[in-house]
Amino acid sequence: MINKVLTLFAVAVLVVCLSGCGSSASETVEVTLPAALVEGYDTSDLESMVEQEGIEAATKNDDGSITWVMTRQKHDELMQTLRESFDTSLNEIVASGDYPTFVGIQHNDNFSEFTVNVNADQLGLQESFSTLAFYMMGGVYNNFNNTPVDDIKVTFVNDNTGDVISSVNSADMGKQQAE
């Protein structure tokens, strides 16, 4: 499970590095990624992105975060690549057999809501931990899209009956421990 989560983060960061060249569009988009997501990037990495990847500017901020400035077209390409990458990852989660009860995974347009169809009446520990991967995927997507969300919702549905088995929200993480 931890490998899947780390893979999702790695994919998100690599998408920026591997996307195509920029455009001549005059509108620019600034994306600031938190330090935890871009740990390990140094000045030479930033210079390389500017030169090779079509990013107009890259700045490492005092708090360790990185701000990228790119054209609107470049940002749109980045988001399309990220959506495709996440969709592939979700399909692979189902097909891999790592979660044998998973039948399908759907999401809304901004990856803030996930519906996981399962062939079970209740969730095991493994399925429960999978919610962390969905929370991270939604957070990463929305961070790159400059639309941070405060809550990622994951709903597990029995594929045979349509009954909701469990619905969890990232905003609720830690509330039970704090109470």
Protein backbone atom coordinates (compact mmCIF):
# COMPACT_ATOMS: atom_id res chain seq x y z
CA MET A 1 0.00 0.00 0.00
CA ILE A 2 2.77 2.43 0.90
CA ASN A 3 4.42 1.72 -2.46
CA LYS A 4 1.18 2.65 -4.26
CA VAL A 5 0.98 5.94 -2.34
CA LEU A 6 4.61 6.80 -3.05
CA THR A 7 4.09 5.90 -6.70
CA LEU A 8 1.17 8.35 -6.92
CA PHE A 9 3.36 11.16 -5.58
CA ALA A 10 6.23 10.24 -7.87
CA VAL A 11 3.91 10.19 -10.88
CA ALA A 12 2.55 13.63 -10.01
CA VAL A 13 6.00 15.15 -9.78
CA LEU A 14 7.26 13.38 -12.90
CA VAL A 15 4.30 14.62 -14.91
CA VAL A 16 5.66 18.14 -14.58
CA CYS A 17 9.12 17.04 -15.65
CA LEU A 18 7.96 14.98 -18.63
CA SER A 19 5.26 17.13 -20.16
CA GLY A 20 5.89 18.72 -23.54
CA CYS A 21 7.02 22.17 -24.59
CA GLY A 22 5.28 25.42 -23.68
CA SER A 23 3.18 27.64 -25.87
CA SER A 24 3.23 31.24 -26.97
CA ALA A 25 0.01 32.06 -25.14
CA SER A 26 0.38 35.25 -23.12
CA GLU A 27 -1.72 34.20 -20.12
CA THR A 28 0.35 32.59 -17.38
CA VAL A 29 -0.49 30.35 -14.47
CA GLU A 30 1.41 30.18 -11.18
CA VAL A 31 1.45 26.87 -9.33
CA THR A 32 3.01 26.65 -5.87
CA LEU A 33 3.70 23.14 -4.67
CA PRO A 34 4.29 22.48 -0.97
CA ALA A 35 7.75 21.57 0.28
CA ALA A 36 6.66 18.02 1.15
CA LEU A 37 5.75 17.37 -2.48
CA VAL A 38 8.95 18.74 -4.01
CA GLU A 39 11.49 17.65 -1.42
CA GLY A 40 14.89 17.13 -2.98
CA TYR A 41 14.58 19.64 -5.82
CA ASP A 42 17.52 22.02 -5.94
CA THR A 43 18.38 25.08 -8.01
CA SER A 44 19.85 23.06 -10.89
CA ASP A 45 16.61 21.04 -11.13
CA LEU A 46 14.65 24.27 -11.37
CA GLU A 47 16.94 25.69 -14.04
CA SER A 48 16.60 22.47 -16.03
CA MET A 49 12.80 22.67 -15.91
CA VAL A 50 12.85 26.23 -17.18
CA GLU A 51 15.22 25.36 -20.02
CA GLN A 52 13.87 21.96 -21.09
CA GLU A 53 10.26 21.64 -20.04
CA GLY A 54 8.65 24.85 -21.19
CA ILE A 55 8.12 26.25 -17.73
CA GLU A 56 8.68 30.01 -17.87
CA ALA A 57 10.04 30.36 -14.34
CA ALA A 58 10.69 28.18 -11.31
CA THR A 59 11.47 29.56 -7.88
CA LYS A 60 12.33 27.76 -4.67
CA ASN A 61 10.62 29.68 -1.86
CA ASP A 62 11.97 30.25 1.66
CA ASP A 63 9.56 27.65 3.09
CA GLY A 64 10.88 24.97 0.69
CA SER A 65 7.89 25.13 -1.64
CA ILE A 66 8.41 25.67 -5.36
CA THR A 67 6.48 28.12 -7.52
CA TRP A 68 6.27 27.42 -11.24
CA VAL A 69 5.08 29.97 -13.78
CA MET A 70 3.83 28.53 -17.07
CA THR A 71 1.53 29.43 -19.92
CA ARG A 72 -2.15 28.57 -19.64
CA GLN A 73 -1.69 26.08 -22.50
CA LYS A 74 1.22 24.41 -20.71
CA HIS A 75 -0.85 24.18 -17.52
CA ASP A 76 -3.79 22.68 -19.44
CA GLU A 77 -1.44 20.08 -20.96
CA LEU A 78 -0.04 19.32 -17.51
CA MET A 79 -3.51 18.82 -16.03
CA GLN A 80 -4.58 16.57 -18.92
CA THR A 81 -1.45 14.46 -18.47
CA LEU A 82 -2.04 14.29 -14.72
CA ARG A 83 -5.69 13.20 -15.22
CA GLU A 84 -4.62 10.50 -17.65
CA SER A 85 -1.89 9.31 -15.32
CA PHE A 86 -4.24 9.13 -12.34
CA ASP A 87 -6.90 7.34 -14.38
CA THR A 88 -4.29 4.78 -15.43
CA SER A 89 -3.19 4.35 -11.81
CA LEU A 90 -6.79 3.83 -10.66
CA ASN A 91 -7.37 1.22 -13.36
CA GLU A 92 -4.14 -0.53 -12.38
CA ILE A 93 -5.21 -0.61 -8.72
CA VAL A 94 -8.34 -2.52 -9.72
CA ALA A 95 -6.58 -4.78 -12.25
CA SER A 96 -3.55 -5.56 -10.07
CA GLY A 97 -5.36 -7.81 -7.64
CA ASP A 98 -3.71 -5.97 -4.74
CA TYR A 99 -7.23 -5.09 -3.62
CA PRO A 100 -9.18 -8.22 -4.58
CA THR A 101 -12.55 -6.77 -3.55
CA PHE A 102 -12.23 -3.69 -5.80
CA VAL A 103 -14.41 -3.92 -8.90
CA GLY A 104 -14.13 -0.33 -10.14
CA ILE A 105 -13.16 3.18 -9.13
CA GLN A 106 -14.87 6.35 -10.35
CA HIS A 107 -14.07 9.97 -9.54
CA ASN A 108 -15.47 13.42 -10.20
CA ASP A 109 -13.75 15.94 -12.48
CA ASN A 110 -11.44 17.39 -9.84
CA PHE A 111 -10.62 14.14 -8.00
CA SER A 112 -12.27 15.34 -4.78
CA GLU A 113 -14.84 12.51 -4.72
CA PHE A 114 -14.15 8.84 -5.34
CA THR A 115 -16.61 5.96 -5.51
CA VAL A 116 -15.06 2.53 -5.06
CA ASN A 117 -17.21 -0.41 -6.09
CA VAL A 118 -16.40 -3.57 -4.15
CA ASN A 119 -17.67 -7.14 -4.18
CA ALA A 120 -18.01 -7.29 -0.39
CA ASP A 121 -20.47 -6.38 2.34
CA GLN A 122 -17.83 -4.85 4.61
CA LEU A 123 -14.37 -3.42 4.31
CA GLY A 124 -11.18 -4.98 5.55
CA LEU A 125 -8.17 -3.14 6.88
CA GLN A 126 -6.49 -3.09 3.47
CA GLU A 127 -9.45 -1.40 1.78
CA SER A 128 -9.71 1.11 4.64
CA PHE A 129 -6.07 2.11 4.23
CA SER A 130 -6.61 2.63 0.50
CA THR A 131 -8.48 5.83 1.34
CA LEU A 132 -5.13 7.49 2.04
CA ALA A 133 -4.10 7.01 -1.59
CA PHE A 134 -7.34 8.63 -2.77
CA TYR A 135 -6.88 11.54 -0.34
CA MET A 136 -3.36 12.12 -1.64
CA MET A 137 -4.38 11.80 -5.28
CA GLY A 138 -7.11 14.39 -4.83
CA GLY A 139 -4.82 16.71 -2.91
CA VAL A 140 -2.04 16.49 -5.48
CA TYR A 141 -4.40 17.03 -8.42
CA ASN A 142 -6.02 20.06 -6.85
CA ASN A 143 -2.70 21.53 -5.76
CA PHE A 144 -1.41 21.39 -9.35
CA ASN A 145 -4.74 22.84 -10.52
CA ASN A 146 -4.60 25.74 -8.04
CA THR A 147 -7.90 24.58 -6.58
CA PRO A 148 -6.97 23.21 -3.15
CA VAL A 149 -9.83 21.36 -1.52
CA ASP A 150 -10.38 20.96 2.18
CA ASP A 151 -12.09 17.61 1.88
CA ILE A 152 -11.66 14.51 -0.28
CA LYS A 153 -14.58 12.08 -0.04
CA VAL A 154 -14.28 8.33 -0.61
CA THR A 155 -17.40 6.18 -0.77
CA PHE A 156 -17.29 2.37 -0.87
CA VAL A 157 -20.31 0.80 -2.53
CA ASN A 158 -21.33 -2.85 -2.69
CA ASP A 159 -21.26 -3.55 -6.43
CA ASN A 160 -24.03 -6.17 -6.21
CA THR A 161 -26.55 -4.28 -4.09
CA GLY A 162 -25.61 -0.64 -4.58
CA ASP A 163 -25.56 -0.17 -0.81
CA VAL A 164 -23.04 2.28 0.64
CA ILE A 165 -20.70 0.31 2.90
CA SER A 166 -18.66 3.25 4.11
CA SER A 167 -18.15 6.90 3.31
CA VAL A 168 -15.11 8.74 4.65
CA ASN A 169 -13.83 12.29 4.36
CA SER A 170 -10.28 13.55 4.59
CA ALA A 171 -11.47 16.51 6.68
CA ASP A 172 -12.43 14.03 9.40
CA MET A 173 -8.93 12.55 9.67
CA GLY A 174 -7.60 13.00 13.17
CA LYS A 175 -10.86 14.35 14.60
CA GLN A 176 -11.58 11.12 16.48
CA GLN A 177 -8.08 11.14 17.98
CA ALA A 178 -8.42 14.77 19.02
CA GLU A 179 -11.75 14.21 20.76
